[in-house]
Amino acid sequence: MNSRLEAKIQKEIRRRAFERADLMRQERQHLAKTQHTLAALQEVTGLHRHELESIAAAVKRSLQGTHDDFFSIKMQMMITFGLMSLIVILVALMTLI
């Protein structure tokens, strides 16, 4: 293997390793913030920890569901129909010119 390719491979390995380490650090920070929020809510509201964790899990499920709708079959069909309608309108306009 030539040295340029090997250097490029090593650079990419380092980049990906640092990227993954950063993502893992961010995930740990998010989890820690959630735990601090739950602890504070437990102190303020008097609710049991498992109740607050249940609420957090429900919120997470409900919010994750909204992001997945973009690639749903319904959304894909709506986008396709909209684009096809636009093409038909443009073709109709072009024939009038």
C-alpha atoms as a PDB file:
ATOM      1  CA  MET A   1       0.000   0.000   0.000  1.00  0.00           C
ATOM      2  CA  ASN A   2       1.363   3.420  -0.769  1.00  0.00           C
ATOM      3  CA  SER A   3       2.145   5.807   2.050  1.00  0.00           C
ATOM      4  CA  ARG A   4      -0.330   8.490   0.908  1.00  0.00           C
ATOM      5  CA  LEU A   5      -3.222   6.064   1.063  1.00  0.00           C
ATOM      6  CA  GLU A   6      -2.098   4.750   4.445  1.00  0.00           C
ATOM      7  CA  ALA A   7      -1.834   8.299   5.812  1.00  0.00           C
ATOM      8  CA  LYS A   8      -5.334   9.051   4.502  1.00  0.00           C
ATOM      9  CA  ILE A   9      -6.701   5.900   6.133  1.00  0.00           C
ATOM     10  CA  GLN A  10      -5.077   6.769   9.468  1.00  0.00           C
ATOM     11  CA  LYS A  11      -6.447  10.315   9.314  1.00  0.00           C
ATOM     12  CA  GLU A  12      -9.967   9.035   8.614  1.00  0.00           C
ATOM     13  CA  ILE A  13      -9.727   6.508  11.458  1.00  0.00           C
ATOM     14  CA  ARG A  14      -8.753   9.299  13.871  1.00  0.00           C
ATOM     15  CA  ARG A  15     -11.540  11.567  12.595  1.00  0.00           C
ATOM     16  CA  ARG A  16     -14.180   8.884  13.039  1.00  0.00           C
ATOM     17  CA  ALA A  17     -12.866   7.896  16.472  1.00  0.00           C
ATOM     18  CA  PHE A  18     -13.011  11.493  17.711  1.00  0.00           C
ATOM     19  CA  GLU A  19     -16.447  11.938  16.168  1.00  0.00           C
ATOM     20  CA  ARG A  20     -17.768   8.838  17.942  1.00  0.00           C
ATOM     21  CA  ALA A  21     -16.160   9.869  21.223  1.00  0.00           C
ATOM     22  CA  ASP A  22     -17.837  13.275  20.927  1.00  0.00           C
ATOM     23  CA  LEU A  23     -21.229  11.694  20.241  1.00  0.00           C
ATOM     24  CA  MET A  24     -20.846   9.423  23.259  1.00  0.00           C
ATOM     25  CA  ARG A  25     -19.840  12.400  25.438  1.00  0.00           C
ATOM     26  CA  GLN A  26     -22.907  14.325  24.267  1.00  0.00           C
ATOM     27  CA  GLU A  27     -25.138  11.332  25.004  1.00  0.00           C
ATOM     28  CA  ARG A  28     -23.705  11.047  28.531  1.00  0.00           C
ATOM     29  CA  GLN A  29     -24.332  14.774  29.046  1.00  0.00           C
ATOM     30  CA  HIS A  30     -27.951  14.439  27.867  1.00  0.00           C
ATOM     31  CA  LEU A  31     -28.525  11.489  30.184  1.00  0.00           C
ATOM     32  CA  ALA A  32     -26.963  13.358  33.108  1.00  0.00           C
ATOM     33  CA  LYS A  33     -29.162  16.405  32.437  1.00  0.00           C
ATOM     34  CA  THR A  34     -32.238  14.184  32.337  1.00  0.00           C
ATOM     35  CA  GLN A  35     -31.259  12.569  35.640  1.00  0.00           C
ATOM     36  CA  HIS A  36     -30.725  16.006  37.223  1.00  0.00           C
ATOM     37  CA  THR A  37     -34.101  17.155  35.919  1.00  0.00           C
ATOM     38  CA  LEU A  38     -35.811  14.071  37.347  1.00  0.00           C
ATOM     39  CA  ALA A  39     -34.078  14.559  40.708  1.00  0.00           C
ATOM     40  CA  ALA A  40     -35.160  18.199  40.841  1.00  0.00           C
ATOM     41  CA  LEU A  41     -38.733  17.318  39.868  1.00  0.00           C
ATOM     42  CA  GLN A  42     -38.825  14.591  42.495  1.00  0.00           C
ATOM     43  CA  GLU A  43     -37.787  17.102  45.121  1.00  0.00           C
ATOM     44  CA  VAL A  44     -40.219  19.784  43.962  1.00  0.00           C
ATOM     45  CA  THR A  45     -43.262  17.639  43.145  1.00  0.00           C
ATOM     46  CA  GLY A  46     -42.880  14.807  45.647  1.00  0.00           C
ATOM     47  CA  LEU A  47     -43.567  12.248  42.920  1.00  0.00           C
ATOM     48  CA  HIS A  48     -41.741   8.927  43.112  1.00  0.00           C
ATOM     49  CA  ARG A  49     -38.731   8.455  40.869  1.00  0.00           C
ATOM     50  CA  HIS A  50     -40.358   5.623  38.893  1.00  0.00           C
ATOM     51  CA  GLU A  51     -43.363   7.854  38.136  1.00  0.00           C
ATOM     52  CA  LEU A  52     -41.106  10.590  36.803  1.00  0.00           C
ATOM     53  CA  GLU A  53     -39.119   8.065  34.756  1.00  0.00           C
ATOM     54  CA  SER A  54     -42.390   6.796  33.315  1.00  0.00           C
ATOM     55  CA  ILE A  55     -43.350  10.339  32.325  1.00  0.00           C
ATOM     56  CA  ALA A  56     -39.913  10.878  30.758  1.00  0.00           C
ATOM     57  CA  ALA A  57     -40.212   7.637  28.769  1.00  0.00           C
ATOM     58  CA  ALA A  58     -43.679   8.618  27.511  1.00  0.00           C
ATOM     59  CA  VAL A  59     -42.430  12.046  26.438  1.00  0.00           C
ATOM     60  CA  LYS A  60     -39.474  10.491  24.643  1.00  0.00           C
ATOM     61  CA  ARG A  61     -41.717   8.022  22.773  1.00  0.00           C
ATOM     62  CA  SER A  62     -44.188  10.716  21.752  1.00  0.00           C
ATOM     63  CA  LEU A  63     -41.502  13.079  20.479  1.00  0.00           C
ATOM     64  CA  GLN A  64     -39.557  10.385  18.651  1.00  0.00           C
ATOM     65  CA  GLY A  65     -42.719   9.354  16.823  1.00  0.00           C
ATOM     66  CA  THR A  66     -43.166  12.807  15.302  1.00  0.00           C
ATOM     67  CA  HIS A  67     -39.732  12.797  13.664  1.00  0.00           C
ATOM     68  CA  ASP A  68     -40.298   9.452  11.951  1.00  0.00           C
ATOM     69  CA  ASP A  69     -43.422  10.692  10.137  1.00  0.00           C
ATOM     70  CA  PHE A  70     -41.387  12.518   7.505  1.00  0.00           C
ATOM     71  CA  PHE A  71     -40.414   9.306   5.740  1.00  0.00           C
ATOM     72  CA  SER A  72     -43.802   7.630   6.148  1.00  0.00           C
ATOM     73  CA  ILE A  73     -45.583   6.243   3.083  1.00  0.00           C
ATOM     74  CA  LYS A  74     -48.279   8.878   3.481  1.00  0.00           C
ATOM     75  CA  MET A  75     -45.733  11.704   3.439  1.00  0.00           C
ATOM     76  CA  GLN A  76     -43.906  10.225   0.453  1.00  0.00           C
ATOM     77  CA  MET A  77     -47.178   9.950  -1.478  1.00  0.00           C
ATOM     78  CA  MET A  78     -48.111  13.546  -0.641  1.00  0.00           C
ATOM     79  CA  ILE A  79     -44.724  14.819  -1.825  1.00  0.00           C
ATOM     80  CA  THR A  80     -44.939  12.743  -5.008  1.00  0.00           C
ATOM     81  CA  PHE A  81     -48.480  13.953  -5.734  1.00  0.00           C
ATOM     82  CA  GLY A  82     -47.423  17.548  -5.151  1.00  0.00           C
ATOM     83  CA  LEU A  83     -44.433  17.239  -7.479  1.00  0.00           C
ATOM     84  CA  MET A  84     -46.501  15.507 -10.168  1.00  0.00           C
ATOM     85  CA  SER A  85     -49.116  18.270  -9.941  1.00  0.00           C
ATOM     86  CA  LEU A  86     -46.408  20.885 -10.306  1.00  0.00           C
ATOM     87  CA  ILE A  87     -45.022  19.123 -13.382  1.00  0.00           C
ATOM     88  CA  VAL A  88     -48.497  18.934 -14.961  1.00  0.00           C
ATOM     89  CA  ILE A  89     -49.055  22.644 -14.318  1.00  0.00           C
ATOM     90  CA  LEU A  90     -45.644  23.543 -15.758  1.00  0.00           C
ATOM     91  CA  VAL A  91     -46.249  21.416 -18.872  1.00  0.00           C
ATOM     92  CA  ALA A  92     -49.667  23.030 -19.324  1.00  0.00           C
ATOM     93  CA  LEU A  93     -48.117  26.473 -19.047  1.00  0.00           C
ATOM     94  CA  MET A  94     -45.373  25.575 -21.509  1.00  0.00           C
ATOM     95  CA  THR A  95     -47.925  24.462 -24.093  1.00  0.00           C
ATOM     96  CA  LEU A  96     -49.723  27.810 -23.779  1.00  0.00           C
ATOM     97  CA  ILE A  97     -46.566  29.774 -24.499  1.00  0.00           C
END
